[in-house]
Amino acid sequence: MKEGQVINISHIYSLNFRIARQIIGCSDVIMPYILNTVENTIFNTIILSPPGRGKTTLLRDSIRNISNGIRKIGFKGINVGVVDERGEIAAMYKGIPQNDLGERIDILENISKDLGMKMLVRSMNPSVIAADEIGTREDIEAINYAITSGIKGIFTAHGDSLKDITLNPILSKLYDLGIIERILLIEKDRSIKLIYNSKTQVAES
């Protein structure tokens, strides 16, 4: 470590390759939960699950649906700004996304989520901001800044219940601000459950 940053890893005995892949249509089931068709926007949403259940895959396809629009329900596509901190959402190659994120997107890759979100707000005119695996104080500050600037957001986070969010010293601040409108949980069997709806202020079964 040097100045709080990892500069070298030695004695490597295995490698773990994470390969981004898309599953077109996997987010169709959650669109009724997150789309606000009256105002042609989305509800501020967190997709929650432990590692390995497909948060990023679900987020990626959600971005595609929001960006393209869904004609059969009368939802028109809107601009989505994506902060792809580790390149796992878009899988960019020489500035071109290899995954389909839709027609109306701006992508910032290899930049911290908090800085990227602020840059998108100030310069790219997004209607929605999307980011994967939020979890730092800086992330929460940037999300609050974006949402109180009139922009909607869809994010993923680690957890296995609404209680995990309320007990998390960082994510609980976002919850307590009252700006999150929907929380979805990916369960062990990969089914998806709405566990929080701000209109009712209670968890849903």
C-alpha atoms as a PDB file:
ATOM      1  CA  MET A   1       0.000   0.000   0.000  1.00  0.00           C
ATOM      2  CA  LYS A   2       1.104   3.565  -0.668  1.00  0.00           C
ATOM      3  CA  GLU A   3      -0.906   6.606   0.423  1.00  0.00           C
ATOM      4  CA  GLY A   4      -3.956   4.386   0.932  1.00  0.00           C
ATOM      5  CA  GLN A   5      -3.783   2.847  -2.545  1.00  0.00           C
ATOM      6  CA  VAL A   6      -2.869  -0.694  -3.599  1.00  0.00           C
ATOM      7  CA  ILE A   7       0.216  -0.451  -5.796  1.00  0.00           C
ATOM      8  CA  ASN A   8       1.309  -4.086  -5.953  1.00  0.00           C
ATOM      9  CA  ILE A   9       0.000  -7.614  -5.399  1.00  0.00           C
ATOM     10  CA  SER A  10       2.526 -10.413  -5.061  1.00  0.00           C
ATOM     11  CA  HIS A  11       2.514 -14.221  -4.698  1.00  0.00           C
ATOM     12  CA  ILE A  12      -0.523 -14.693  -6.959  1.00  0.00           C
ATOM     13  CA  TYR A  13      -1.718 -18.313  -7.057  1.00  0.00           C
ATOM     14  CA  SER A  14      -5.048 -17.901  -8.871  1.00  0.00           C
ATOM     15  CA  LEU A  15      -6.900 -15.514 -11.155  1.00  0.00           C
ATOM     16  CA  ASN A  16     -10.603 -14.651 -11.129  1.00  0.00           C
ATOM     17  CA  PHE A  17     -12.002 -13.390 -14.439  1.00  0.00           C
ATOM     18  CA  ARG A  18     -15.361 -11.616 -14.400  1.00  0.00           C
ATOM     19  CA  ILE A  19     -16.868 -11.478 -17.883  1.00  0.00           C
ATOM     20  CA  ALA A  20     -19.700  -9.011 -18.434  1.00  0.00           C
ATOM     21  CA  ARG A  21     -22.651 -10.519 -20.279  1.00  0.00           C
ATOM     22  CA  GLN A  22     -26.094  -9.306 -21.094  1.00  0.00           C
ATOM     23  CA  ILE A  23     -29.446 -11.054 -20.837  1.00  0.00           C
ATOM     24  CA  ILE A  24     -31.816  -9.074 -23.007  1.00  0.00           C
ATOM     25  CA  GLY A  25     -35.272  -8.845 -21.476  1.00  0.00           C
ATOM     26  CA  CYS A  26     -34.357  -9.965 -17.946  1.00  0.00           C
ATOM     27  CA  SER A  27     -35.524  -6.633 -16.522  1.00  0.00           C
ATOM     28  CA  ASP A  28     -38.953  -6.717 -18.176  1.00  0.00           C
ATOM     29  CA  VAL A  29     -40.451  -8.218 -15.017  1.00  0.00           C
ATOM     30  CA  ILE A  30     -39.377  -5.260 -12.852  1.00  0.00           C
ATOM     31  CA  MET A  31     -40.423  -2.454 -15.193  1.00  0.00           C
ATOM     32  CA  PRO A  32     -43.936  -2.187 -13.665  1.00  0.00           C
ATOM     33  CA  TYR A  33     -42.267  -1.508 -10.291  1.00  0.00           C
ATOM     34  CA  ILE A  34     -39.807   1.166 -11.375  1.00  0.00           C
ATOM     35  CA  LEU A  35     -41.432   3.022 -14.289  1.00  0.00           C
ATOM     36  CA  ASN A  36     -43.529   6.076 -13.555  1.00  0.00           C
ATOM     37  CA  THR A  37     -45.575   6.044 -16.751  1.00  0.00           C
ATOM     38  CA  VAL A  38     -47.694   9.044 -15.681  1.00  0.00           C
ATOM     39  CA  GLU A  39     -44.643  11.337 -15.745  1.00  0.00           C
ATOM     40  CA  ASN A  40     -42.638   9.231 -18.218  1.00  0.00           C
ATOM     41  CA  THR A  41     -39.744   8.748 -15.836  1.00  0.00           C
ATOM     42  CA  ILE A  42     -38.714   6.224 -13.178  1.00  0.00           C
ATOM     43  CA  PHE A  43     -38.988   5.937  -9.431  1.00  0.00           C
ATOM     44  CA  ASN A  44     -35.686   6.276  -7.596  1.00  0.00           C
ATOM     45  CA  THR A  45     -34.720   2.629  -7.236  1.00  0.00           C
ATOM     46  CA  ILE A  46     -32.190   0.392  -5.509  1.00  0.00           C
ATOM     47  CA  ILE A  47     -31.679  -3.193  -6.686  1.00  0.00           C
ATOM     48  CA  LEU A  48     -30.467  -5.172  -3.680  1.00  0.00           C
ATOM     49  CA  SER A  49     -28.796  -8.576  -3.342  1.00  0.00           C
ATOM     50  CA  PRO A  50     -25.709 -10.343  -2.022  1.00  0.00           C
ATOM     51  CA  PRO A  51     -22.856 -10.813  -4.516  1.00  0.00           C
ATOM     52  CA  GLY A  52     -23.427 -13.157  -7.426  1.00  0.00           C
ATOM     53  CA  ARG A  53     -27.195 -13.004  -7.909  1.00  0.00           C
ATOM     54  CA  GLY A  54     -27.182 -10.782 -10.993  1.00  0.00           C
ATOM     55  CA  LYS A  55     -27.524  -7.182  -9.796  1.00  0.00           C
ATOM     56  CA  THR A  56     -25.343  -5.800 -12.566  1.00  0.00           C
ATOM     57  CA  THR A  57     -27.050  -7.898 -15.242  1.00  0.00           C
ATOM     58  CA  LEU A  58     -30.465  -6.667 -14.095  1.00  0.00           C
ATOM     59  CA  LEU A  59     -29.255  -3.063 -13.906  1.00  0.00           C
ATOM     60  CA  ARG A  60     -27.769  -3.264 -17.397  1.00  0.00           C
ATOM     61  CA  ASP A  61     -31.016  -4.438 -18.972  1.00  0.00           C
ATOM     62  CA  SER A  62     -33.026  -1.920 -16.952  1.00  0.00           C
ATOM     63  CA  ILE A  63     -30.892   0.850 -18.451  1.00  0.00           C
ATOM     64  CA  ARG A  64     -31.637  -0.517 -21.926  1.00  0.00           C
ATOM     65  CA  ASN A  65     -35.392  -0.518 -21.292  1.00  0.00           C
ATOM     66  CA  ILE A  66     -35.390   2.972 -19.783  1.00  0.00           C
ATOM     67  CA  SER A  67     -33.225   4.344 -22.576  1.00  0.00           C
ATOM     68  CA  ASN A  68     -35.113   2.734 -25.459  1.00  0.00           C
ATOM     69  CA  GLY A  69     -38.600   3.052 -24.018  1.00  0.00           C
ATOM     70  CA  ILE A  70     -41.327   0.422 -24.031  1.00  0.00           C
ATOM     71  CA  ARG A  71     -43.856   1.137 -26.760  1.00  0.00           C
ATOM     72  CA  LYS A  72     -46.513  -1.338 -25.647  1.00  0.00           C
ATOM     73  CA  ILE A  73     -47.045   0.495 -22.358  1.00  0.00           C
ATOM     74  CA  GLY A  74     -46.518   3.972 -23.785  1.00  0.00           C
ATOM     75  CA  PHE A  75     -43.215   4.669 -22.066  1.00  0.00           C
ATOM     76  CA  LYS A  76     -40.960   6.872 -24.181  1.00  0.00           C
ATOM     77  CA  GLY A  77     -37.206   6.412 -23.881  1.00  0.00           C
ATOM     78  CA  ILE A  78     -35.312   8.981 -21.812  1.00  0.00           C
ATOM     79  CA  ASN A  79     -31.671   9.981 -21.429  1.00  0.00           C
ATOM     80  CA  VAL A  80     -29.686   7.797 -19.046  1.00  0.00           C
ATOM     81  CA  GLY A  81     -26.251   8.746 -17.723  1.00  0.00           C
ATOM     82  CA  VAL A  82     -24.233   5.688 -16.680  1.00  0.00           C
ATOM     83  CA  VAL A  83     -21.231   5.719 -14.361  1.00  0.00           C
ATOM     84  CA  ASP A  84     -19.422   2.483 -15.211  1.00  0.00           C
ATOM     85  CA  GLU A  85     -16.651   2.620 -12.634  1.00  0.00           C
ATOM     86  CA  ARG A  86     -15.164  -0.813 -13.382  1.00  0.00           C
ATOM     87  CA  GLY A  87     -16.367  -1.307 -16.943  1.00  0.00           C
ATOM     88  CA  GLU A  88     -18.764  -4.089 -15.985  1.00  0.00           C
ATOM     89  CA  ILE A  89     -21.982  -2.500 -17.230  1.00  0.00           C
ATOM     90  CA  ALA A  90     -21.208  -1.442 -20.790  1.00  0.00           C
ATOM     91  CA  ALA A  91     -17.997  -3.420 -21.437  1.00  0.00           C
ATOM     92  CA  MET A  92     -16.585  -0.561 -23.477  1.00  0.00           C
ATOM     93  CA  TYR A  93     -13.955  -1.170 -26.143  1.00  0.00           C
ATOM     94  CA  LYS A  94     -12.271   1.926 -27.575  1.00  0.00           C
ATOM     95  CA  GLY A  95     -15.211   4.024 -26.446  1.00  0.00           C
ATOM     96  CA  ILE A  96     -17.891   1.735 -27.883  1.00  0.00           C
ATOM     97  CA  PRO A  97     -20.169  -0.230 -25.516  1.00  0.00           C
ATOM     98  CA  GLN A  98     -20.134  -3.932 -26.329  1.00  0.00           C
ATOM     99  CA  ASN A  99     -23.363  -4.477 -24.394  1.00  0.00           C
ATOM    100  CA  ASP A 100     -26.677  -2.981 -25.479  1.00  0.00           C
ATOM    101  CA  LEU A 101     -27.600  -0.133 -23.137  1.00  0.00           C
ATOM    102  CA  GLY A 102     -30.081   1.428 -25.513  1.00  0.00           C
ATOM    103  CA  GLU A 103     -30.258   4.477 -27.733  1.00  0.00           C
ATOM    104  CA  ARG A 104     -30.198   7.360 -25.268  1.00  0.00           C
ATOM    105  CA  ILE A 105     -27.149   6.866 -23.078  1.00  0.00           C
ATOM    106  CA  ASP A 106     -24.003   8.655 -22.021  1.00  0.00           C
ATOM    107  CA  ILE A 107     -21.350   6.496 -20.351  1.00  0.00           C
ATOM    108  CA  LEU A 108     -18.444   7.523 -18.149  1.00  0.00           C
ATOM    109  CA  GLU A 109     -16.088   4.582 -17.634  1.00  0.00           C
ATOM    110  CA  ASN A 110     -13.181   4.048 -15.237  1.00  0.00           C
ATOM    111  CA  ILE A 111     -14.120   6.953 -13.011  1.00  0.00           C
ATOM    112  CA  SER A 112     -15.300   6.952  -9.410  1.00  0.00           C
ATOM    113  CA  LYS A 113     -19.067   6.863  -9.028  1.00  0.00           C
ATOM    114  CA  ASP A 114     -19.285  10.034  -6.973  1.00  0.00           C
ATOM    115  CA  LEU A 115     -17.223  12.115  -9.382  1.00  0.00           C
ATOM    116  CA  GLY A 116     -18.912  10.570 -12.420  1.00  0.00           C
ATOM    117  CA  MET A 117     -22.422  11.302 -11.150  1.00  0.00           C
ATOM    118  CA  LYS A 118     -21.563  14.950 -10.520  1.00  0.00           C
ATOM    119  CA  MET A 119     -20.013  15.279 -13.969  1.00  0.00           C
ATOM    120  CA  LEU A 120     -23.088  13.788 -15.621  1.00  0.00           C
ATOM    121  CA  VAL A 121     -25.410  16.164 -13.776  1.00  0.00           C
ATOM    122  CA  ARG A 122     -23.369  19.199 -14.729  1.00  0.00           C
ATOM    123  CA  SER A 123     -22.679  18.411 -18.360  1.00  0.00           C
ATOM    124  CA  MET A 124     -24.740  15.597 -19.922  1.00  0.00           C
ATOM    125  CA  ASN A 125     -28.401  16.505 -19.265  1.00  0.00           C
ATOM    126  CA  PRO A 126     -29.498  13.071 -17.969  1.00  0.00           C
ATOM    127  CA  SER A 127     -33.064  12.302 -16.949  1.00  0.00           C
ATOM    128  CA  VAL A 128     -31.803   9.245 -15.050  1.00  0.00           C
ATOM    129  CA  ILE A 129     -28.435   8.344 -13.537  1.00  0.00           C
ATOM    130  CA  ALA A 130     -27.400   4.704 -13.098  1.00  0.00           C
ATOM    131  CA  ALA A 131     -24.520   3.259 -11.092  1.00  0.00           C
ATOM    132  CA  ASP A 132     -23.533  -0.172  -9.815  1.00  0.00           C
ATOM    133  CA  GLU A 133     -22.708  -1.188  -6.229  1.00  0.00           C
ATOM    134  CA  ILE A 134     -23.066   2.064  -4.330  1.00  0.00           C
ATOM    135  CA  GLY A 135     -21.711   2.003  -0.813  1.00  0.00           C
ATOM    136  CA  THR A 136     -19.460   4.909   0.131  1.00  0.00           C
ATOM    137  CA  ARG A 137     -20.264   8.205   1.826  1.00  0.00           C
ATOM    138  CA  GLU A 138     -19.159   9.964  -1.339  1.00  0.00           C
ATOM    139  CA  ASP A 139     -21.632   7.877  -3.381  1.00  0.00           C
ATOM    140  CA  ILE A 140     -24.496   8.873  -1.091  1.00  0.00           C
ATOM    141  CA  GLU A 141     -23.548  12.539  -1.276  1.00  0.00           C
ATOM    142  CA  ALA A 142     -23.439  12.399  -5.087  1.00  0.00           C
ATOM    143  CA  ILE A 143     -26.782  10.571  -5.319  1.00  0.00           C
ATOM    144  CA  ASN A 144     -28.407  13.126  -3.040  1.00  0.00           C
ATOM    145  CA  TYR A 145     -26.933  15.897  -5.174  1.00  0.00           C
ATOM    146  CA  ALA A 146     -28.270  14.318  -8.385  1.00  0.00           C
ATOM    147  CA  ILE A 147     -31.751  13.556  -7.094  1.00  0.00           C
ATOM    148  CA  THR A 148     -32.187  16.981  -5.488  1.00  0.00           C
ATOM    149  CA  SER A 149     -31.144  18.418  -8.856  1.00  0.00           C
ATOM    150  CA  GLY A 150     -34.276  16.905 -10.383  1.00  0.00           C
ATOM    151  CA  ILE A 151     -32.712  13.733 -11.785  1.00  0.00           C
ATOM    152  CA  LYS A 152     -33.952  10.224 -11.088  1.00  0.00           C
ATOM    153  CA  GLY A 153     -31.652   7.326 -10.198  1.00  0.00           C
ATOM    154  CA  ILE A 154     -31.365   3.558 -10.389  1.00  0.00           C
ATOM    155  CA  PHE A 155     -28.589   1.846  -8.423  1.00  0.00           C
ATOM    156  CA  THR A 156     -27.485  -1.509  -7.056  1.00  0.00           C
ATOM    157  CA  ALA A 157     -26.200  -2.290  -3.569  1.00  0.00           C
ATOM    158  CA  HIS A 158     -25.189  -5.283  -1.476  1.00  0.00           C
ATOM    159  CA  GLY A 159     -27.663  -6.649   1.028  1.00  0.00           C
ATOM    160  CA  ASP A 160     -30.252  -9.370   1.588  1.00  0.00           C
ATOM    161  CA  SER A 161     -33.137  -7.499   3.202  1.00  0.00           C
ATOM    162  CA  LEU A 162     -34.514  -4.059   3.937  1.00  0.00           C
ATOM    163  CA  LYS A 163     -33.061  -4.439   7.421  1.00  0.00           C
ATOM    164  CA  ASP A 164     -29.576  -4.731   5.916  1.00  0.00           C
ATOM    165  CA  ILE A 165     -30.001  -1.270   4.429  1.00  0.00           C
ATOM    166  CA  THR A 166     -31.360   0.289   7.606  1.00  0.00           C
ATOM    167  CA  LEU A 167     -28.468  -1.169   9.626  1.00  0.00           C
ATOM    168  CA  ASN A 168     -25.785  -0.209   7.116  1.00  0.00           C
ATOM    169  CA  PRO A 169     -24.168   2.985   8.462  1.00  0.00           C
ATOM    170  CA  ILE A 170     -23.773   4.396   4.952  1.00  0.00           C
ATOM    171  CA  LEU A 171     -26.763   3.102   2.968  1.00  0.00           C
ATOM    172  CA  SER A 172     -29.103   3.921   5.847  1.00  0.00           C
ATOM    173  CA  LYS A 173     -28.379   7.611   5.284  1.00  0.00           C
ATOM    174  CA  LEU A 174     -29.737   7.351   1.752  1.00  0.00           C
ATOM    175  CA  TYR A 175     -32.805   5.533   3.065  1.00  0.00           C
ATOM    176  CA  ASP A 176     -33.309   8.077   5.845  1.00  0.00           C
ATOM    177  CA  LEU A 177     -33.204  10.987   3.387  1.00  0.00           C
ATOM    178  CA  GLY A 178     -36.520   9.701   2.038  1.00  0.00           C
ATOM    179  CA  ILE A 179     -35.519   9.989  -1.618  1.00  0.00           C
ATOM    180  CA  ILE A 180     -35.533   6.269  -2.436  1.00  0.00           C
ATOM    181  CA  GLU A 181     -38.928   5.247  -3.783  1.00  0.00           C
ATOM    182  CA  ARG A 182     -38.480   1.552  -4.611  1.00  0.00           C
ATOM    183  CA  ILE A 183     -36.197  -1.195  -3.306  1.00  0.00           C
ATOM    184  CA  LEU A 184     -36.110  -4.532  -5.135  1.00  0.00           C
ATOM    185  CA  LEU A 185     -34.501  -7.696  -3.773  1.00  0.00           C
ATOM    186  CA  ILE A 186     -33.055 -10.489  -5.907  1.00  0.00           C
ATOM    187  CA  GLU A 187     -33.697 -13.666  -3.914  1.00  0.00           C
ATOM    188  CA  LYS A 188     -31.716 -16.916  -3.850  1.00  0.00           C
ATOM    189  CA  ASP A 189     -33.775 -18.450  -6.651  1.00  0.00           C
ATOM    190  CA  ARG A 190     -33.206 -15.274  -8.755  1.00  0.00           C
ATOM    191  CA  SER A 191     -36.828 -14.219  -8.373  1.00  0.00           C
ATOM    192  CA  ILE A 192     -37.325 -10.521  -7.679  1.00  0.00           C
ATOM    193  CA  LYS A 193     -39.431  -9.035  -4.894  1.00  0.00           C
ATOM    194  CA  LEU A 194     -40.444  -5.458  -4.194  1.00  0.00           C
ATOM    195  CA  ILE A 195     -39.480  -4.958  -0.541  1.00  0.00           C
ATOM    196  CA  TYR A 196     -40.023  -1.204  -0.224  1.00  0.00           C
ATOM    197  CA  ASN A 197     -42.493   1.222  -1.771  1.00  0.00           C
ATOM    198  CA  SER A 198     -42.324   4.821  -0.579  1.00  0.00           C
ATOM    199  CA  LYS A 199     -46.014   5.341  -1.259  1.00  0.00           C
ATOM    200  CA  THR A 200     -46.918   2.869   1.468  1.00  0.00           C
ATOM    201  CA  GLN A 201     -43.802   3.563   3.582  1.00  0.00           C
ATOM    202  CA  VAL A 202     -43.663  -0.132   4.444  1.00  0.00           C
ATOM    203  CA  ALA A 203     -42.020  -3.259   3.143  1.00  0.00           C
ATOM    204  CA  GLU A 204     -44.155  -5.280   0.752  1.00  0.00           C
ATOM    205  CA  SER A 205     -44.636  -9.042   0.837  1.00  0.00           C
END
